[in-house]
Every structure is written in C-alpha cells, then in structure tokens.
Amino acid sequence: MQLTQVIPAPEQMFQLMSYPKNTPLVMVNVIKFKEKTAETGESGAAAFARYFKNMTPFVEKVGAKLLWKGKVASTVVGDSVDQPHLIFMVEYPSVDHFFSMLANPDYKEIAQDRTVALEYGGMFACATEE
C-alpha cells in the first residue's frame, strides 16, 4: 500500500490550496477498509466508524454538512476486486473551512483512526457545475 492512498501527498494539498476562495467545496470520499488494523487487530470498518462518529462535530464546527453517505452494493463498471466499501460526500463552505478543520489539533488526534482503518481513502475535491 502506498501512503498516498490514505494520506494526501504534499503536492496534492498545495494544489487544493489554489481552489477558488469563498466557493463551496464538496469532498467525495471513496473508502475501502482494511480487513484488520495492524495496530489493534480490530476491523478497519470498526476503526472507521469510530472516526466518522468523532469527525462529525468537527465537520459541523466549520459549517460543513454531510450530503450523502452509502455503502457500495456492487461494482457495475470497473474492477470489483478493488471495490470500495463506502462513499460519502461532505460540503464545506470553502476550501479554507476544510483546511481549518484539518489544522485543529483535536481533529488530528481523531484522524489517526481514519489512517489505521483504511486500505484506500480517496478524496476528490469537487466544484458544483452550474
């Protein structure tokens, strides 16, 4: 597993910084759990569920909101071997709100559960088309 499959590479974060200010940002999260975490042996799904529960207040604190969350039922097109388990979308008022959440020391602490839980944790920054 490449670390950049779960944690963004610095160049990806720098690119995100150029996102237009004062423009809403939707983060589409594509999640695949580890069967078991190396750290505790618990399931990746359990570790991620804890992260998601603890992450929600941080999302709300920066004025963001969960738009949609769902389990992947089946792959219609693509490689079903690497099928993700979960997809969810969070809308932030701006990219600065997203970075504000990431910079919070308390968020950084709970984000460790995300890191240990995932085999893949793709995040796609999306702008709404008009």
Protein backbone atom coordinates (compact mmCIF):
# COMPACT_ATOMS: atom_id res chain seq x y z
CA MET A 1 0.00 0.00 0.00
CA GLN A 2 1.24 3.47 -0.82
CA LEU A 3 0.90 6.02 1.94
CA THR A 4 -0.63 8.46 -0.55
CA GLN A 5 -3.59 6.12 -0.94
CA VAL A 6 -4.78 7.17 2.53
CA ILE A 7 -2.90 10.38 3.32
CA PRO A 8 -2.67 13.18 0.74
CA ALA A 9 0.74 13.92 -0.71
CA PRO A 10 2.04 17.46 -0.05
CA GLU A 11 1.70 18.39 -3.72
CA GLN A 12 -1.97 17.37 -3.63
CA MET A 13 -2.59 19.66 -0.67
CA PHE A 14 -0.75 22.54 -2.37
CA GLN A 15 -2.91 22.05 -5.46
CA LEU A 16 -6.05 22.14 -3.31
CA MET A 17 -4.92 25.48 -1.84
CA SER A 18 -5.47 27.02 -5.28
CA TYR A 19 -9.19 26.16 -5.19
CA PRO A 20 -11.24 29.37 -5.55
CA LYS A 21 -11.78 31.10 -2.20
CA ASN A 22 -15.33 31.67 -0.94
CA THR A 23 -16.59 28.89 -3.19
CA PRO A 24 -18.32 25.81 -1.76
CA LEU A 25 -16.31 22.61 -1.99
CA VAL A 26 -17.71 19.07 -1.97
CA MET A 27 -15.31 16.36 -0.85
CA VAL A 28 -16.24 12.97 -2.29
CA ASN A 29 -14.71 10.25 -0.14
CA VAL A 30 -14.19 6.77 -1.59
CA ILE A 31 -13.36 4.38 1.22
CA LYS A 32 -12.03 0.83 1.36
CA PHE A 33 -11.42 -0.65 4.80
CA LYS A 34 -8.57 -2.87 5.89
CA GLU A 35 -9.78 -6.27 6.97
CA LYS A 36 -7.96 -5.76 10.29
CA THR A 37 -5.86 -2.91 11.60
CA ALA A 38 -2.22 -3.67 12.32
CA GLU A 39 -2.30 -1.54 15.46
CA THR A 40 -5.14 -3.18 17.40
CA GLY A 41 -6.40 -6.07 15.27
CA GLU A 42 -9.90 -4.58 15.17
CA SER A 43 -11.68 -4.39 11.85
CA GLY A 44 -10.99 -1.41 9.64
CA ALA A 45 -14.75 -0.86 9.47
CA ALA A 46 -14.93 -0.53 13.27
CA ALA A 47 -11.99 1.89 13.42
CA PHE A 48 -13.50 3.98 10.62
CA ALA A 49 -16.94 4.01 12.27
CA ARG A 50 -15.28 5.48 15.37
CA TYR A 51 -13.50 8.08 13.22
CA PHE A 52 -16.73 9.00 11.42
CA LYS A 53 -18.63 9.43 14.69
CA ASN A 54 -15.85 11.57 16.19
CA MET A 55 -15.29 13.53 12.97
CA THR A 56 -18.88 14.74 12.68
CA PRO A 57 -18.63 17.51 15.33
CA PHE A 58 -15.52 18.90 13.59
CA VAL A 59 -17.37 18.98 10.27
CA GLU A 60 -20.28 20.81 11.88
CA LYS A 61 -17.98 23.23 13.74
CA VAL A 62 -16.58 24.57 10.44
CA GLY A 63 -20.07 24.91 8.96
CA ALA A 64 -19.83 21.87 6.69
CA LYS A 65 -22.51 19.24 6.23
CA LEU A 66 -22.79 15.62 5.22
CA LEU A 67 -24.66 15.49 1.90
CA TRP A 68 -24.82 11.75 1.38
CA LYS A 69 -23.34 8.51 2.72
CA GLY A 70 -23.84 4.98 1.41
CA LYS A 71 -22.36 1.50 1.29
CA VAL A 72 -21.25 0.30 -2.13
CA ALA A 73 -23.63 -2.51 -3.13
CA SER A 74 -21.83 -3.70 -6.26
CA THR A 75 -19.46 -2.61 -8.99
CA VAL A 76 -21.27 -2.09 -12.28
CA VAL A 77 -18.25 -0.92 -14.30
CA GLY A 78 -14.69 -1.42 -13.14
CA ASP A 79 -12.64 -3.79 -11.05
CA SER A 80 -14.84 -5.43 -8.42
CA VAL A 81 -11.76 -6.82 -6.64
CA ASP A 82 -10.87 -3.29 -5.55
CA GLN A 83 -14.47 -2.26 -4.92
CA PRO A 84 -14.71 0.37 -2.19
CA HIS A 85 -16.93 -0.23 0.83
CA LEU A 86 -18.29 3.25 1.44
CA ILE A 87 -18.75 6.56 -0.37
CA PHE A 88 -19.75 9.80 1.28
CA MET A 89 -19.85 13.48 0.39
CA VAL A 90 -19.26 16.46 2.66
CA GLU A 91 -19.89 20.04 1.54
CA TYR A 92 -17.64 22.73 3.02
CA PRO A 93 -18.48 26.45 2.71
CA SER A 94 -14.99 26.97 1.28
CA VAL A 95 -11.60 25.31 0.99
CA ASP A 96 -10.46 27.44 3.94
CA HIS A 97 -13.13 25.80 6.11
CA PHE A 98 -11.77 22.38 5.11
CA PHE A 99 -8.19 23.39 5.95
CA SER A 100 -9.37 24.90 9.23
CA MET A 101 -10.78 21.53 10.25
CA LEU A 102 -7.59 19.70 9.27
CA ALA A 103 -5.47 22.15 11.29
CA ASN A 104 -7.41 21.57 14.51
CA PRO A 105 -5.14 19.60 16.92
CA ASP A 106 -8.13 17.69 18.29
CA TYR A 107 -9.16 16.68 14.76
CA LYS A 108 -5.62 15.50 14.03
CA GLU A 109 -5.85 13.19 17.04
CA ILE A 110 -9.08 11.50 15.95
CA ALA A 111 -7.93 11.35 12.31
CA GLN A 112 -5.50 8.62 13.33
CA ASP A 113 -8.44 6.21 13.34
CA ARG A 114 -9.05 7.04 9.66
CA THR A 115 -5.43 6.35 8.79
CA VAL A 116 -5.25 2.97 10.53
CA ALA A 117 -8.69 1.87 9.26
CA LEU A 118 -8.19 2.30 5.55
CA GLU A 119 -6.64 0.36 2.73
CA TYR A 120 -7.73 3.17 0.41
CA GLY A 121 -9.12 6.57 1.31
CA GLY A 122 -9.56 8.56 -1.86
CA MET A 123 -10.83 12.11 -1.53
CA PHE A 124 -11.91 14.14 -4.54
CA ALA A 125 -12.41 17.90 -4.25
CA CYS A 126 -15.36 18.80 -6.45
CA ALA A 127 -16.90 22.07 -7.57
CA THR A 128 -20.60 22.29 -8.33
CA GLU A 129 -21.33 22.82 -12.02
CA GLU A 130 -23.94 25.37 -12.94
